[in-house]
Amino acid sequence: MNRGGVGARSLNIELQTALNPAGEAVQSIKTRFGLKAAFDYIVAEKLLSFAEASSHDPDFARELPRFVSEIRRMFAPDEIQEQLAEIERTQNEGDTNALEEDDPLRESPAAAAERVQRFSLIKELLTAATLGTS
């Protein structure tokens, strides 16, 4: 579903438009509600959704490293490590609690595997010593 030059430029503009206010929002949330709330907003909500979209759309996939890079500028490496560990603990607890087979809202095994894989990718990108481009 490559939209070519015009679509890619449009996505680039959309991403930049989203990141500028998002960066401001993250700082505001961090100040008012703390590190966890700010990290959850930009990573657990925005970045994971962006990563999901990137698995289906090459334009989003191309922009994912830039989005990650912007997030890496918003938080110190130790903050990123700490918050990712907390998200991982929460997900693991949720996975343990979601094992009840009679729960109609239970996540399918395939969806759970995709979620874990997406989180692993994001964790790797956020904690890598350097981000490269190819």
Protein backbone atom coordinates (compact mmCIF):
# COMPACT_ATOMS: atom_id res chain seq x y z
CA MET A 1 0.00 0.00 0.00
CA ASN A 2 2.79 2.38 -0.87
CA ARG A 3 1.28 5.76 -1.58
CA GLY A 4 4.36 7.05 -3.38
CA GLY A 5 5.84 10.50 -3.12
CA VAL A 6 2.76 12.54 -2.33
CA GLY A 7 1.52 10.11 0.31
CA ALA A 8 4.94 9.85 1.91
CA ARG A 9 5.26 13.64 2.08
CA SER A 10 1.77 13.85 3.53
CA LEU A 11 2.64 11.26 6.17
CA ASN A 12 5.87 13.11 6.93
CA ILE A 13 3.94 16.34 7.48
CA GLU A 14 1.32 14.49 9.57
CA LEU A 15 4.03 12.90 11.71
CA GLN A 16 5.84 16.20 12.26
CA THR A 17 2.56 17.92 13.09
CA ALA A 18 1.73 15.15 15.55
CA LEU A 19 5.18 15.06 17.16
CA ASN A 20 5.50 18.77 17.83
CA PRO A 21 2.34 19.00 19.95
CA ALA A 22 3.01 15.51 21.33
CA GLY A 23 6.42 16.61 22.57
CA GLU A 24 4.83 19.61 24.23
CA ALA A 25 2.06 17.41 25.63
CA VAL A 26 4.61 14.93 27.00
CA GLN A 27 6.47 17.70 28.83
CA SER A 28 3.22 19.08 30.20
CA ILE A 29 2.02 15.63 31.30
CA LYS A 30 5.43 14.89 32.83
CA THR A 31 5.28 18.12 34.83
CA ARG A 32 1.66 17.74 35.95
CA PHE A 33 1.23 13.99 36.32
CA GLY A 34 4.70 12.48 36.39
CA LEU A 35 7.02 10.39 34.29
CA LYS A 36 4.82 7.28 34.12
CA ALA A 37 1.82 9.17 32.74
CA ALA A 38 3.95 10.96 30.12
CA PHE A 39 5.68 7.76 29.02
CA ASP A 40 2.40 5.84 28.89
CA TYR A 41 0.89 8.57 26.71
CA ILE A 42 3.62 8.71 24.09
CA VAL A 43 4.82 5.09 24.15
CA ALA A 44 1.98 2.86 25.35
CA GLU A 45 -0.63 4.80 23.39
CA LYS A 46 0.93 6.68 20.48
CA LEU A 47 4.07 4.71 19.61
CA LEU A 48 2.52 1.25 19.94
CA SER A 49 -0.38 2.37 17.71
CA PHE A 50 2.10 3.80 15.21
CA ALA A 51 4.07 0.54 15.28
CA GLU A 52 0.89 -1.42 14.61
CA ALA A 53 0.10 0.82 11.63
CA SER A 54 3.67 0.41 10.39
CA SER A 55 3.20 -3.35 10.20
CA HIS A 56 0.52 -2.76 7.52
CA ASP A 57 1.70 0.41 5.80
CA PRO A 58 5.21 0.94 4.38
CA ASP A 59 4.94 4.72 4.77
CA PHE A 60 4.42 4.34 8.51
CA ALA A 61 7.22 1.74 8.65
CA ARG A 62 9.65 4.21 7.07
CA GLU A 63 8.76 6.88 9.64
CA LEU A 64 8.92 4.59 12.69
CA PRO A 65 12.67 5.17 13.36
CA ARG A 66 12.14 8.93 13.34
CA PHE A 67 9.23 8.66 15.76
CA VAL A 68 11.36 6.48 18.03
CA SER A 69 14.24 8.95 17.78
CA GLU A 70 11.98 11.81 18.88
CA ILE A 71 10.81 9.79 21.89
CA ARG A 72 14.41 8.98 22.80
CA ARG A 73 15.04 12.74 22.96
CA MET A 74 12.10 13.23 25.33
CA PHE A 75 13.32 10.81 28.01
CA ALA A 76 16.65 9.91 29.60
CA PRO A 77 17.88 6.35 28.92
CA ASP A 78 17.33 5.30 32.55
CA GLU A 79 13.76 6.65 32.41
CA ILE A 80 13.11 4.62 29.26
CA GLN A 81 14.53 1.44 30.82
CA GLU A 82 12.50 1.89 34.00
CA GLN A 83 9.23 2.61 32.22
CA LEU A 84 9.62 -0.21 29.69
CA ALA A 85 10.25 -2.62 32.57
CA GLU A 86 7.05 -1.39 34.23
CA ILE A 87 5.01 -1.81 31.02
CA GLU A 88 6.45 -5.30 30.61
CA ARG A 89 5.53 -6.24 34.21
CA THR A 90 2.00 -4.93 33.67
CA GLN A 91 1.64 -6.85 30.40
CA ASN A 92 2.93 -10.06 32.01
CA GLU A 93 0.45 -9.70 34.87
CA GLY A 94 -2.32 -9.08 32.35
CA ASP A 95 -1.29 -12.15 30.36
CA THR A 96 -1.39 -14.26 33.52
CA ASN A 97 -4.84 -12.93 34.41
CA ALA A 98 -6.12 -13.36 30.83
CA LEU A 99 -5.63 -17.12 30.81
CA GLU A 100 -9.22 -17.81 31.77
CA GLU A 101 -10.69 -19.52 28.73
CA ASP A 102 -14.30 -18.60 29.42
CA ASP A 103 -13.60 -14.85 29.25
CA PRO A 104 -15.34 -13.56 26.09
CA LEU A 105 -13.02 -10.52 25.96
CA ARG A 106 -9.88 -12.65 26.12
CA GLU A 107 -7.21 -11.76 23.60
CA SER A 108 -6.58 -14.43 20.97
CA PRO A 109 -3.20 -16.19 21.12
CA ALA A 110 -2.28 -14.73 17.71
CA ALA A 111 -3.15 -11.19 18.83
CA ALA A 112 -1.20 -11.67 22.05
CA ALA A 113 1.83 -12.91 20.11
CA GLU A 114 1.64 -9.88 17.76
CA ARG A 115 1.38 -7.52 20.75
CA VAL A 116 4.42 -9.11 22.41
CA GLN A 117 6.41 -8.98 19.17
CA ARG A 118 5.49 -5.31 18.61
CA PHE A 119 6.45 -4.42 22.18
CA SER A 120 9.78 -6.25 21.79
CA LEU A 121 10.54 -4.24 18.65
CA ILE A 122 9.70 -0.96 20.37
CA LYS A 123 11.77 -1.93 23.41
CA GLU A 124 14.72 -2.78 21.17
CA LEU A 125 14.43 0.50 19.25
CA LEU A 126 14.09 2.62 22.39
CA THR A 127 17.03 0.99 24.16
CA ALA A 128 19.48 0.44 21.26
CA ALA A 129 22.82 2.15 21.69
CA THR A 130 22.34 3.84 18.30
CA LEU A 131 19.61 3.98 15.72
CA GLY A 132 20.76 3.35 12.18
CA THR A 133 19.08 3.94 8.88
CA SER A 134 19.31 1.85 5.77
